[in-house]
Protein backbone atom coordinates (compact mmCIF):
# COMPACT_ATOMS: atom_id res chain seq x y z
CA MET A 1 72.12 -135.50 8.99
CA ASN A 2 72.09 -138.15 6.32
CA ILE A 3 75.63 -139.42 6.92
CA ASP A 4 76.15 -142.84 8.45
CA CYS A 5 78.98 -141.98 10.84
CA VAL A 6 79.16 -145.57 12.08
CA ASP A 7 80.13 -146.55 8.54
CA CYS A 8 82.52 -143.57 8.37
CA LYS A 9 84.25 -144.71 11.55
CA ALA A 10 84.60 -148.26 10.21
CA ARG A 11 86.03 -147.01 6.91
CA ILE A 12 88.51 -144.78 8.74
CA ALA A 13 89.64 -147.69 10.95
CA SER A 14 90.09 -150.07 8.03
CA PHE A 15 91.96 -147.46 5.96
CA GLU A 16 94.24 -146.74 8.94
CA ALA A 17 94.98 -150.48 9.20
CA ARG A 18 95.97 -150.55 5.50
CA MET A 19 98.17 -147.49 5.98
CA THR A 20 99.87 -149.06 9.00
CA GLU A 21 100.51 -152.44 7.41
CA ASN A 22 102.19 -150.79 4.41
CA GLU A 23 104.58 -148.57 6.38
CA ASN A 24 107.57 -150.34 4.82
CA LEU A 25 106.47 -149.02 1.41
CA ALA A 26 105.75 -145.45 2.55
CA ASP A 27 108.68 -143.63 0.98
CA ILE A 28 109.15 -145.55 -2.27
CA ARG A 29 108.68 -143.35 -5.34
CA LEU A 30 107.94 -145.27 -8.54
CA ALA A 31 108.40 -142.27 -10.83
CA PRO A 32 108.97 -138.52 -10.44
CA ASP A 33 105.29 -137.79 -11.12
CA LYS A 34 103.90 -140.47 -8.78
CA TRP A 35 103.24 -139.69 -5.13
CA THR A 36 104.57 -141.92 -2.38
CA LEU A 37 102.16 -143.51 0.07
CA LYS A 38 103.33 -140.97 2.66
CA GLU A 39 102.51 -138.10 0.29
CA MET A 40 99.06 -139.58 -0.30
CA ILE A 41 98.38 -139.67 3.44
CA ALA A 42 99.71 -136.13 3.83
CA HIS A 43 97.25 -135.04 1.14
CA LEU A 44 94.44 -136.61 3.17
CA VAL A 45 95.62 -134.70 6.26
CA ASP A 46 95.54 -131.51 4.16
CA SER A 47 92.02 -132.40 3.09
CA ALA A 48 90.95 -132.97 6.69
CA SER A 49 92.51 -129.67 7.73
CA ASN A 50 90.85 -127.68 4.96
CA ASN A 51 87.49 -129.35 5.52
CA HIS A 52 87.68 -128.82 9.28
CA GLN A 53 87.68 -125.08 8.60
CA ARG A 54 84.82 -125.41 6.12
CA PHE A 55 82.67 -127.61 8.37
CA VAL A 56 82.96 -125.24 11.33
CA ARG A 57 82.93 -121.87 9.56
CA LEU A 58 79.96 -122.76 7.37
CA GLN A 59 77.91 -123.38 10.51
CA LEU A 60 78.65 -119.78 11.52
CA GLU A 61 78.07 -117.97 8.20
CA PRO A 62 75.49 -118.55 5.44
CA ALA A 63 78.06 -118.13 2.64
CA LEU A 64 81.86 -118.07 2.57
CA VAL A 65 84.75 -118.00 0.13
CA PHE A 66 87.77 -120.12 1.04
CA PRO A 67 91.25 -119.96 -0.47
CA LYS A 68 92.09 -122.39 -3.25
CA TYR A 69 93.88 -125.62 -2.41
CA GLY A 70 96.68 -126.74 -4.72
CA ALA A 71 97.63 -130.30 -3.85
CA GLU A 72 101.04 -130.20 -5.55
CA GLU A 73 101.93 -126.87 -3.98
CA TRP A 74 100.96 -128.10 -0.51
CA LYS A 75 102.92 -131.34 -1.05
CA ASN A 76 106.01 -129.37 -2.04
CA ALA A 77 105.65 -126.88 0.83
CA THR A 78 105.27 -129.48 3.59
CA LYS A 79 108.47 -131.40 2.84
CA ILE A 80 106.58 -134.40 4.18
CA ALA A 81 109.27 -136.92 3.16
CA THR A 82 111.19 -136.10 6.35
CA PHE A 83 108.16 -136.51 8.64
CA ASP A 84 107.56 -139.70 10.64
CA TYR A 85 105.10 -142.01 8.87
CA SER A 86 103.38 -143.48 11.93
CA THR A 87 102.86 -139.98 13.37
CA LEU A 88 101.30 -138.91 10.06
CA VAL A 89 98.93 -141.90 10.08
CA THR A 90 97.94 -141.17 13.68
CA LEU A 91 97.34 -137.52 12.80
CA TRP A 92 95.12 -138.53 9.87
CA LYS A 93 93.11 -140.97 12.02
CA THR A 94 92.73 -138.50 14.90
CA TYR A 95 91.80 -135.62 12.63
CA ASN A 96 89.09 -137.76 11.07
CA ALA A 97 87.75 -138.71 14.51
CA LEU A 98 87.34 -134.97 15.14
CA LEU A 99 85.60 -134.47 11.78
CA VAL A 100 83.18 -137.32 12.49
CA HIS A 101 82.40 -135.69 15.85
CA LEU A 102 81.75 -132.36 14.09
CA ILE A 103 79.52 -134.03 11.52
CA GLU A 104 77.55 -135.91 14.16
CA ASN A 105 76.93 -132.60 15.91
CA VAL A 106 76.47 -130.29 12.93
CA ASN A 107 73.72 -127.71 13.19
CA PRO A 108 71.00 -128.98 10.79
CA ALA A 109 69.95 -125.39 10.08
CA ALA A 110 73.40 -124.75 8.57
CA LEU A 111 73.40 -127.63 6.09
CA ASN A 112 72.26 -125.34 3.28
CA HIS A 113 75.01 -122.75 3.98
CA VAL A 114 77.35 -122.51 0.98
CA TRP A 115 80.97 -122.36 0.04
CA ARG A 116 81.12 -119.94 -2.90
CA ARG A 117 83.58 -121.29 -5.44
CA GLU A 118 84.44 -119.79 -8.79
CA ASP A 119 82.56 -122.51 -10.66
CA LYS A 120 79.61 -123.15 -8.31
CA ASP A 121 78.25 -122.97 -4.78
CA ILE A 122 78.54 -126.09 -2.61
CA SER A 123 76.35 -126.59 0.44
CA LEU A 124 77.76 -127.73 3.76
CA GLU A 125 75.74 -130.93 3.41
CA ALA A 126 77.21 -131.63 -0.04
CA LEU A 127 80.69 -130.84 1.27
CA ILE A 128 80.33 -133.40 4.03
CA HIS A 129 79.21 -136.08 1.58
CA ASP A 130 81.99 -135.12 -0.83
CA TYR A 131 84.62 -135.38 1.92
CA PHE A 132 83.96 -139.09 2.38
CA ALA A 133 83.69 -139.70 -1.37
CA HIS A 134 87.09 -138.00 -1.72
CA MET A 135 88.51 -140.23 1.00
CA GLU A 136 87.23 -143.34 -0.78
CA LEU A 137 88.75 -142.17 -4.07
CA HIS A 138 92.11 -141.81 -2.35
CA ARG A 139 91.75 -145.15 -0.62
CA THR A 140 91.37 -146.75 -4.05
CA MET A 141 94.43 -144.83 -5.28
CA PHE A 142 96.35 -145.92 -2.16
CA GLU A 143 95.45 -149.57 -2.78
CA GLU A 144 96.50 -149.29 -6.43
CA ARG A 145 99.84 -147.77 -5.42
CA VAL A 146 100.43 -150.56 -2.88
CA GLU A 147 99.86 -153.10 -5.66
CA GLU A 148 102.27 -151.23 -7.95
CA LEU A 149 104.89 -151.23 -5.19
CA ARG A 150 104.57 -154.94 -4.51
C-alpha cells in the first residue's frame, strides 16, 4: 500500500491536540450557516464511519454501491450539540486508529475494487488516499474557524 501510515498517525495526533485545546470554542456558532467546531468533528466521525464500511466491504466484493451521504442531513439528524465534546474527540481519534489499522492490513488484491457512484467509479486505493485528503481539508477548515472564533 502506498500510504504512509506513520504520517497518518502523526497527523491524527496533532489534529486531536488542536481539537482538545479548542474545547472552549466547540459550541460557538458564528452564523446560522456556519458549523461549530463540534459539528465539524462530528462530520469527521461520520466520514470515518462511512469509510470504515467502504474499506472493509470493498475488500470482500469487487464492486459495490453505497448510499449517498448528505452532510447537512446527518448533522441535523445527530443533534450533536447535546453530545459531550471530549467524548466526540476521543471517538474521532479512536475511529481513525481503527481505520489506520485496516489500511495497514488491507488486502492488496482488493485495491482495484470499486465503489460505483453515479458520476464515476472510485477504487479502494483511491478512496483510502481521498480519506486523508478529506481529513486535511477539514483540518484547514477547523483551523480557519478557530481563527474566526478568536
